[in-house]
Protein backbone atom coordinates (compact mmCIF):
# COMPACT_ATOMS: atom_id res chain seq x y z
CA MET A 1 -17.79 -3.79 -18.90
CA GLU A 2 -15.31 -2.11 -21.28
CA THR A 3 -11.85 -3.98 -21.63
CA THR A 4 -9.89 -0.56 -20.35
CA THR A 5 -12.17 -0.43 -17.23
CA LYS A 6 -11.46 -4.22 -16.39
CA LEU A 7 -7.62 -3.61 -16.87
CA ILE A 8 -7.90 -0.74 -14.33
CA ILE A 9 -9.89 -2.78 -11.80
CA GLY A 10 -7.80 -5.65 -12.21
CA TYR A 11 -4.56 -3.43 -11.75
CA PHE A 12 -5.75 -2.05 -8.50
CA LEU A 13 -7.16 -5.22 -7.21
CA GLY A 14 -3.71 -6.74 -7.95
CA ILE A 15 -1.60 -3.96 -6.54
CA THR A 16 -3.85 -3.89 -3.44
CA LEU A 17 -3.31 -7.61 -2.89
CA LEU A 18 0.52 -7.30 -3.64
CA THR A 19 0.89 -4.41 -1.21
CA PHE A 20 -0.89 -6.32 1.66
CA CYS A 21 1.16 -9.57 1.17
CA VAL A 22 4.30 -7.39 1.29
CA TYR A 23 3.55 -5.63 4.54
CA GLY A 24 2.65 -9.07 5.75
CA TRP A 25 6.03 -10.51 4.54
CA ASP A 26 7.99 -7.57 6.08
CA LYS A 27 6.19 -8.00 9.44
CA HIS A 28 7.25 -11.63 9.10
CA LEU A 29 10.81 -10.70 8.53
CA ALA A 30 10.66 -8.23 11.31
CA LYS A 31 9.47 -10.83 13.74
CA SER A 32 12.02 -13.50 12.90
CA GLY A 33 14.93 -11.16 13.21
CA LYS A 34 15.96 -11.31 9.67
CA SER A 35 16.64 -7.54 9.43
CA ALA A 36 19.10 -7.88 6.45
CA ARG A 37 16.33 -8.96 4.24
CA ARG A 38 13.57 -6.60 5.39
CA ILE A 39 11.58 -4.52 2.74
CA PRO A 40 12.96 -0.82 2.66
CA GLU A 41 10.39 1.62 4.10
CA LYS A 42 10.60 3.52 0.69
CA ARG A 43 9.31 0.51 -1.13
CA LEU A 44 6.41 0.04 1.02
CA LEU A 45 5.30 3.68 0.69
CA LEU A 46 6.03 3.29 -3.14
CA LEU A 47 3.67 0.33 -3.29
CA ALA A 48 0.98 2.58 -1.62
CA ALA A 49 1.76 5.38 -4.02
CA VAL A 50 1.25 3.31 -7.15
CA GLY A 51 -2.14 2.26 -6.05
CA GLY A 52 -1.97 -0.01 -3.24
CA THR A 53 -3.13 2.44 -0.54
CA PHE A 54 -5.98 0.00 0.59
CA GLY A 55 -3.54 -2.78 0.90
CA ALA A 56 -0.92 -0.89 2.96
CA ILE A 57 -3.75 0.36 5.14
CA ALA A 58 -5.29 -3.27 5.69
CA GLY A 59 -1.38 -4.56 6.09
CA MET A 60 -0.94 -1.92 8.82
CA LEU A 61 -4.00 -2.89 10.66
CA PHE A 62 -4.15 -6.52 10.07
CA PHE A 63 -0.29 -7.20 10.97
CA ARG A 64 0.11 -4.25 13.20
CA HIS A 65 3.05 -3.39 11.27
CA LYS A 66 4.24 0.27 11.05
CA THR A 67 1.78 1.73 12.94
CA LEU A 68 4.11 3.65 15.06
CA HIS A 69 6.06 5.13 12.51
CA LYS A 70 4.66 8.61 11.78
CA LYS A 71 6.03 8.28 8.04
CA PHE A 72 3.26 5.50 7.66
CA THR A 73 0.60 6.76 10.09
CA TYR A 74 0.49 10.24 8.31
CA GLY A 75 2.16 9.19 4.85
CA ILE A 76 -0.40 6.66 3.87
CA PRO A 77 -3.44 8.76 4.59
CA LEU A 78 -1.94 11.73 2.84
CA ILE A 79 -1.03 9.32 -0.20
CA LEU A 80 -4.87 8.33 -0.29
CA LEU A 81 -5.98 11.91 -0.10
CA ALA A 82 -3.82 12.83 -2.87
CA GLN A 83 -5.04 9.71 -5.04
CA ILE A 84 -8.67 10.89 -4.21
CA ALA A 85 -7.82 14.50 -5.19
CA LEU A 86 -6.18 13.32 -8.40
CA LEU A 87 -9.20 10.83 -9.18
CA TYR A 88 -11.62 13.73 -8.72
CA VAL A 89 -9.56 16.03 -11.20
CA PHE A 90 -9.49 13.23 -13.92
CA LEU A 91 -13.20 12.04 -13.44
CA ARG A 92 -14.55 15.41 -13.18
């Protein structure tokens, strides 16, 4: 496997894992009442936008976090569709 391909795969695996963990950490903070230290929603969405979409989806489902916020229930799938479209354009 080419080095560039390994780096790309490593990046997406890493950002996916990081995003999943950040969603879990934010859920933990929400349950413990430490709202002053919560992760901003913009940052959670940004993590999905830079490649952590699958981690965001997994975090939302596993931790039952942000599942009632339309910004996330519609936003994350839209980000995923945009990423698929970009992938299609660049790999075509």
